[in-house]
Amino acid sequence: FCGLAKWDSAIRAYHFAKDRGFWSAGLSNNMALALTRSGQREEAIEWLERALAADRSLGAAYYQRARVLAALANDSRRPMPVQAVADIERAAELYPENGYVCLAVASIFGSAQMHGSPSEYGDRSVSFLLKSLRLGISPEEIRSSGIPLQIIERAKALSDYQLAIEQGATAERRPPPGLVDSLAGVSFE
């Protein structure tokens, strides 16, 4: 159902599976994705915490939780949560060659820096913005990503900016982390 963007049906199916004892970190991650897409972000965080408690190497869950926490902070005009920063850093460690993860790092660090976090957050944001371009993210995607305009302008002023775009034109783009095998680790009797 998630693959078809039928979020309510997916949520019901995941509850059905969980109620019958079929639970895994992947199922929790996928439930969180469905909840997020259906606008239930606070509940999604609970499912992501379950997923990460069961599997600390589940990069998709770190990526999702960072993005949900960042969106909630941005929507309420609050400073970036420390957990969002830690999660997106972990996702970047687990997915070093994913342009979408790099784009999220740039966005979260840029927003954090604009809300009073140390200036090195801005430097990291610029660095990951350039990396996301090298990994195939387009300038149009950068502009619509939520990265503060000041960060984008700083990146554009660098000599590496145009080169990063040229390198990205031939890069193999990877999809953003999302759905994972929800049956991994489930035992059937």
C-alpha atoms as a PDB file:
ATOM      1  CA  PHE A   1       0.000   0.000   0.000  1.00  0.00           C
ATOM      2  CA  CYS A   2       2.889   2.395   0.710  1.00  0.00           C
ATOM      3  CA  GLY A   3       4.236   1.838  -2.785  1.00  0.00           C
ATOM      4  CA  LEU A   4       0.841   2.926  -4.104  1.00  0.00           C
ATOM      5  CA  ALA A   5       0.632   5.949  -1.763  1.00  0.00           C
ATOM      6  CA  LYS A   6      -2.425   4.473  -0.059  1.00  0.00           C
ATOM      7  CA  TRP A   7      -1.342   5.631   3.366  1.00  0.00           C
ATOM      8  CA  ASP A   8      -4.503   4.865   5.349  1.00  0.00           C
ATOM      9  CA  SER A   9      -4.636   1.348   3.918  1.00  0.00           C
ATOM     10  CA  ALA A  10      -0.955   0.866   4.723  1.00  0.00           C
ATOM     11  CA  ILE A  11      -1.492   2.014   8.311  1.00  0.00           C
ATOM     12  CA  ARG A  12      -4.354  -0.456   8.735  1.00  0.00           C
ATOM     13  CA  ALA A  13      -2.276  -3.267   7.233  1.00  0.00           C
ATOM     14  CA  TYR A  14       0.693  -2.549   9.519  1.00  0.00           C
ATOM     15  CA  HIS A  15      -1.585  -2.469  12.574  1.00  0.00           C
ATOM     16  CA  PHE A  16      -3.119  -5.759  11.424  1.00  0.00           C
ATOM     17  CA  ALA A  17       0.332  -7.366  11.121  1.00  0.00           C
ATOM     18  CA  LYS A  18       1.513  -6.010  14.470  1.00  0.00           C
ATOM     19  CA  ASP A  19      -1.666  -7.160  16.229  1.00  0.00           C
ATOM     20  CA  ARG A  20      -0.957 -10.680  14.967  1.00  0.00           C
ATOM     21  CA  GLY A  21       2.611 -10.732  16.228  1.00  0.00           C
ATOM     22  CA  PHE A  22       4.410  -9.845  13.016  1.00  0.00           C
ATOM     23  CA  TRP A  23       6.636  -7.014  14.114  1.00  0.00           C
ATOM     24  CA  SER A  24      10.060  -5.835  13.001  1.00  0.00           C
ATOM     25  CA  ALA A  25      12.129  -2.691  12.945  1.00  0.00           C
ATOM     26  CA  GLY A  26      11.373  -2.440   9.234  1.00  0.00           C
ATOM     27  CA  LEU A  27       7.638  -2.655   9.839  1.00  0.00           C
ATOM     28  CA  SER A  28       7.928   0.186  12.380  1.00  0.00           C
ATOM     29  CA  ASN A  29       9.952   2.255   9.917  1.00  0.00           C
ATOM     30  CA  ASN A  30       7.405   1.700   7.154  1.00  0.00           C
ATOM     31  CA  MET A  31       4.487   2.442   9.484  1.00  0.00           C
ATOM     32  CA  ALA A  32       6.196   5.727  10.365  1.00  0.00           C
ATOM     33  CA  LEU A  33       6.527   6.609   6.689  1.00  0.00           C
ATOM     34  CA  ALA A  34       2.811   5.980   6.147  1.00  0.00           C
ATOM     35  CA  LEU A  35       1.926   8.009   9.247  1.00  0.00           C
ATOM     36  CA  THR A  36       4.147  10.898   8.162  1.00  0.00           C
ATOM     37  CA  ARG A  37       2.645  10.955   4.684  1.00  0.00           C
ATOM     38  CA  SER A  38      -0.854  10.943   6.181  1.00  0.00           C
ATOM     39  CA  GLY A  39       0.009  13.930   8.408  1.00  0.00           C
ATOM     40  CA  GLN A  40       0.413  12.057  11.701  1.00  0.00           C
ATOM     41  CA  ARG A  41       3.981  13.167  12.385  1.00  0.00           C
ATOM     42  CA  GLU A  42       3.999  12.923  16.197  1.00  0.00           C
ATOM     43  CA  GLU A  43       2.811   9.306  16.060  1.00  0.00           C
ATOM     44  CA  ALA A  44       5.369   8.614  13.341  1.00  0.00           C
ATOM     45  CA  ILE A  45       8.153   9.640  15.716  1.00  0.00           C
ATOM     46  CA  GLU A  46       6.975   7.019  18.232  1.00  0.00           C
ATOM     47  CA  TRP A  47       7.179   4.306  15.563  1.00  0.00           C
ATOM     48  CA  LEU A  48      10.621   5.491  14.472  1.00  0.00           C
ATOM     49  CA  GLU A  49      11.832   5.284  18.061  1.00  0.00           C
ATOM     50  CA  ARG A  50      10.580   1.682  18.190  1.00  0.00           C
ATOM     51  CA  ALA A  51      12.367   0.911  14.936  1.00  0.00           C
ATOM     52  CA  LEU A  52      15.641   2.377  16.165  1.00  0.00           C
ATOM     53  CA  ALA A  53      15.377   0.669  19.547  1.00  0.00           C
ATOM     54  CA  ALA A  54      15.233  -2.630  17.661  1.00  0.00           C
ATOM     55  CA  ASP A  55      17.845  -1.831  14.989  1.00  0.00           C
ATOM     56  CA  ARG A  56      20.395   0.948  15.571  1.00  0.00           C
ATOM     57  CA  SER A  57      21.697   0.539  12.008  1.00  0.00           C
ATOM     58  CA  LEU A  58      18.388   1.336  10.284  1.00  0.00           C
ATOM     59  CA  GLY A  59      19.455   4.389   8.327  1.00  0.00           C
ATOM     60  CA  ALA A  60      16.028   5.031   6.828  1.00  0.00           C
ATOM     61  CA  ALA A  61      14.611   5.510  10.342  1.00  0.00           C
ATOM     62  CA  TYR A  62      17.312   8.037  11.287  1.00  0.00           C
ATOM     63  CA  TYR A  63      16.653   9.911   8.038  1.00  0.00           C
ATOM     64  CA  GLN A  64      12.894   9.948   8.581  1.00  0.00           C
ATOM     65  CA  ARG A  65      13.069  10.942  12.246  1.00  0.00           C
ATOM     66  CA  ALA A  66      15.471  13.790  11.479  1.00  0.00           C
ATOM     67  CA  ARG A  67      13.193  15.122   8.756  1.00  0.00           C
ATOM     68  CA  VAL A  68      10.022  14.829  10.865  1.00  0.00           C
ATOM     69  CA  LEU A  69      11.641  16.516  13.883  1.00  0.00           C
ATOM     70  CA  ALA A  70      13.005  19.278  11.638  1.00  0.00           C
ATOM     71  CA  ALA A  71       9.613  19.830   9.992  1.00  0.00           C
ATOM     72  CA  LEU A  72       7.885  20.057  13.369  1.00  0.00           C
ATOM     73  CA  ALA A  73      10.488  22.564  14.589  1.00  0.00           C
ATOM     74  CA  ASN A  74      10.264  24.651  11.421  1.00  0.00           C
ATOM     75  CA  ASP A  75       6.457  24.629  11.467  1.00  0.00           C
ATOM     76  CA  SER A  76       6.422  25.918  15.041  1.00  0.00           C
ATOM     77  CA  ARG A  77       9.392  28.258  14.484  1.00  0.00           C
ATOM     78  CA  ARG A  78      11.369  26.547  17.236  1.00  0.00           C
ATOM     79  CA  PRO A  79      15.120  25.923  17.219  1.00  0.00           C
ATOM     80  CA  MET A  80      16.285  22.757  15.526  1.00  0.00           C
ATOM     81  CA  PRO A  81      16.162  19.828  17.985  1.00  0.00           C
ATOM     82  CA  VAL A  82      19.530  18.337  18.881  1.00  0.00           C
ATOM     83  CA  GLN A  83      18.054  14.916  18.053  1.00  0.00           C
ATOM     84  CA  ALA A  84      17.299  16.004  14.471  1.00  0.00           C
ATOM     85  CA  VAL A  85      20.925  17.060  14.005  1.00  0.00           C
ATOM     86  CA  ALA A  86      22.257  13.822  15.531  1.00  0.00           C
ATOM     87  CA  ASP A  87      19.891  11.699  13.449  1.00  0.00           C
ATOM     88  CA  ILE A  88      20.724  13.340  10.142  1.00  0.00           C
ATOM     89  CA  GLU A  89      24.436  13.015  10.886  1.00  0.00           C
ATOM     90  CA  ARG A  90      23.929   9.280  11.508  1.00  0.00           C
ATOM     91  CA  ALA A  91      21.898   8.949   8.302  1.00  0.00           C
ATOM     92  CA  ALA A  92      24.737  10.659   6.401  1.00  0.00           C
ATOM     93  CA  GLU A  93      27.196   8.138   7.864  1.00  0.00           C
ATOM     94  CA  LEU A  94      24.990   5.260   6.737  1.00  0.00           C
ATOM     95  CA  TYR A  95      24.170   6.752   3.302  1.00  0.00           C
ATOM     96  CA  PRO A  96      27.285   8.775   2.360  1.00  0.00           C
ATOM     97  CA  GLU A  97      26.553   8.683  -1.373  1.00  0.00           C
ATOM     98  CA  ASN A  98      22.857   9.583  -1.299  1.00  0.00           C
ATOM     99  CA  GLY A  99      22.134  13.059  -2.619  1.00  0.00           C
ATOM    100  CA  TYR A 100      18.785  13.263  -0.834  1.00  0.00           C
ATOM    101  CA  VAL A 101      20.395  12.541   2.518  1.00  0.00           C
ATOM    102  CA  CYS A 102      23.044  15.184   1.813  1.00  0.00           C
ATOM    103  CA  LEU A 103      20.283  17.608   0.863  1.00  0.00           C
ATOM    104  CA  ALA A 104      18.521  16.916   4.180  1.00  0.00           C
ATOM    105  CA  VAL A 105      21.798  17.458   6.067  1.00  0.00           C
ATOM    106  CA  ALA A 106      22.221  20.807   4.306  1.00  0.00           C
ATOM    107  CA  SER A 107      18.648  21.799   5.106  1.00  0.00           C
ATOM    108  CA  ILE A 108      18.727  20.782   8.778  1.00  0.00           C
ATOM    109  CA  PHE A 109      22.137  22.304   9.475  1.00  0.00           C
ATOM    110  CA  GLY A 110      21.213  25.468   7.579  1.00  0.00           C
ATOM    111  CA  SER A 111      17.975  25.875   9.523  1.00  0.00           C
ATOM    112  CA  ALA A 112      19.779  25.178  12.793  1.00  0.00           C
ATOM    113  CA  GLN A 113      22.385  27.830  12.024  1.00  0.00           C
ATOM    114  CA  MET A 114      19.700  30.378  11.145  1.00  0.00           C
ATOM    115  CA  HIS A 115      18.072  29.741  14.545  1.00  0.00           C
ATOM    116  CA  GLY A 116      21.210  30.497  16.538  1.00  0.00           C
ATOM    117  CA  SER A 117      23.285  27.332  16.378  1.00  0.00           C
ATOM    118  CA  PRO A 118      27.037  27.756  15.898  1.00  0.00           C
ATOM    119  CA  SER A 119      28.325  29.207  12.637  1.00  0.00           C
ATOM    120  CA  GLU A 120      30.032  25.930  11.759  1.00  0.00           C
ATOM    121  CA  TYR A 121      26.524  24.572  11.149  1.00  0.00           C
ATOM    122  CA  GLY A 122      26.302  26.981   8.242  1.00  0.00           C
ATOM    123  CA  ASP A 123      29.660  25.750   6.951  1.00  0.00           C
ATOM    124  CA  ARG A 124      28.479  22.133   7.146  1.00  0.00           C
ATOM    125  CA  SER A 125      25.253  23.097   5.390  1.00  0.00           C
ATOM    126  CA  VAL A 126      27.181  24.633   2.483  1.00  0.00           C
ATOM    127  CA  SER A 127      29.480  21.617   2.293  1.00  0.00           C
ATOM    128  CA  PHE A 128      26.574  19.159   2.133  1.00  0.00           C
ATOM    129  CA  LEU A 129      24.687  21.355  -0.333  1.00  0.00           C
ATOM    130  CA  LEU A 130      27.662  21.088  -2.698  1.00  0.00           C
ATOM    131  CA  LYS A 131      27.900  17.334  -2.100  1.00  0.00           C
ATOM    132  CA  SER A 132      24.208  16.910  -2.885  1.00  0.00           C
ATOM    133  CA  LEU A 133      24.728  18.724  -6.189  1.00  0.00           C
ATOM    134  CA  ARG A 134      27.678  16.432  -7.008  1.00  0.00           C
ATOM    135  CA  LEU A 135      25.416  13.449  -6.285  1.00  0.00           C
ATOM    136  CA  GLY A 136      22.814  14.560  -8.820  1.00  0.00           C
ATOM    137  CA  ILE A 137      20.461  16.841  -6.898  1.00  0.00           C
ATOM    138  CA  SER A 138      19.456  19.710  -9.181  1.00  0.00           C
ATOM    139  CA  PRO A 139      19.644  23.429  -8.353  1.00  0.00           C
ATOM    140  CA  GLU A 140      15.832  23.487  -8.578  1.00  0.00           C
ATOM    141  CA  GLU A 141      15.593  20.798  -5.888  1.00  0.00           C
ATOM    142  CA  ILE A 142      18.024  22.808  -3.756  1.00  0.00           C
ATOM    143  CA  ARG A 143      15.849  25.921  -4.026  1.00  0.00           C
ATOM    144  CA  SER A 144      12.702  24.043  -2.998  1.00  0.00           C
ATOM    145  CA  SER A 145      14.346  22.062  -0.173  1.00  0.00           C
ATOM    146  CA  GLY A 146      13.946  24.509   2.684  1.00  0.00           C
ATOM    147  CA  ILE A 147      17.625  25.392   2.816  1.00  0.00           C
ATOM    148  CA  PRO A 148      17.843  29.027   3.932  1.00  0.00           C
ATOM    149  CA  LEU A 149      18.525  31.425   1.055  1.00  0.00           C
ATOM    150  CA  GLN A 150      21.635  32.768   2.815  1.00  0.00           C
ATOM    151  CA  ILE A 151      23.167  29.282   2.745  1.00  0.00           C
ATOM    152  CA  ILE A 152      22.330  28.813  -0.935  1.00  0.00           C
ATOM    153  CA  GLU A 153      23.864  32.187  -1.774  1.00  0.00           C
ATOM    154  CA  ARG A 154      27.029  31.290   0.163  1.00  0.00           C
ATOM    155  CA  ALA A 155      27.321  28.069  -1.832  1.00  0.00           C
ATOM    156  CA  LYS A 156      26.702  29.818  -5.157  1.00  0.00           C
ATOM    157  CA  ALA A 157      29.525  32.247  -4.397  1.00  0.00           C
ATOM    158  CA  LEU A 158      32.037  29.399  -4.228  1.00  0.00           C
ATOM    159  CA  SER A 159      34.086  28.365  -7.242  1.00  0.00           C
ATOM    160  CA  ASP A 160      33.073  24.729  -6.618  1.00  0.00           C
ATOM    161  CA  TYR A 161      29.367  25.424  -7.114  1.00  0.00           C
ATOM    162  CA  GLN A 162      29.284  25.213 -10.919  1.00  0.00           C
ATOM    163  CA  LEU A 163      31.666  22.243 -10.925  1.00  0.00           C
ATOM    164  CA  ALA A 164      29.381  20.409  -8.481  1.00  0.00           C
ATOM    165  CA  ILE A 165      26.431  20.955 -10.842  1.00  0.00           C
ATOM    166  CA  GLU A 166      28.462  19.638 -13.797  1.00  0.00           C
ATOM    167  CA  GLN A 167      29.553  16.555 -11.839  1.00  0.00           C
ATOM    168  CA  GLY A 168      25.969  15.944 -10.735  1.00  0.00           C
ATOM    169  CA  ALA A 169      24.721  15.951 -14.321  1.00  0.00           C
ATOM    170  CA  THR A 170      26.338  12.544 -14.844  1.00  0.00           C
ATOM    171  CA  ALA A 171      25.936  11.159 -11.320  1.00  0.00           C
ATOM    172  CA  GLU A 172      23.917   8.059 -10.607  1.00  0.00           C
ATOM    173  CA  ARG A 173      21.028   9.270  -8.441  1.00  0.00           C
ATOM    174  CA  ARG A 174      19.907   7.079  -5.596  1.00  0.00           C
ATOM    175  CA  PRO A 175      16.377   7.251  -4.230  1.00  0.00           C
ATOM    176  CA  PRO A 176      15.844   8.775  -0.807  1.00  0.00           C
ATOM    177  CA  PRO A 177      15.726   6.343   2.105  1.00  0.00           C
ATOM    178  CA  GLY A 178      12.182   5.264   2.818  1.00  0.00           C
ATOM    179  CA  LEU A 179      10.590   1.852   2.744  1.00  0.00           C
ATOM    180  CA  VAL A 180      12.652  -1.083   3.951  1.00  0.00           C
ATOM    181  CA  ASP A 181      12.067  -4.832   4.030  1.00  0.00           C
ATOM    182  CA  SER A 182       9.450  -5.017   6.764  1.00  0.00           C
ATOM    183  CA  LEU A 183       9.698  -8.802   7.044  1.00  0.00           C
ATOM    184  CA  ALA A 184      13.409  -8.866   7.872  1.00  0.00           C
ATOM    185  CA  GLY A 185      13.776 -10.329  11.339  1.00  0.00           C
ATOM    186  CA  VAL A 186      10.185 -11.602  11.528  1.00  0.00           C
ATOM    187  CA  SER A 187       9.832 -15.257  12.410  1.00  0.00           C
ATOM    188  CA  PHE A 188       6.916 -17.281  11.142  1.00  0.00           C
ATOM    189  CA  GLU A 189       5.764 -20.260  13.168  1.00  0.00           C
END
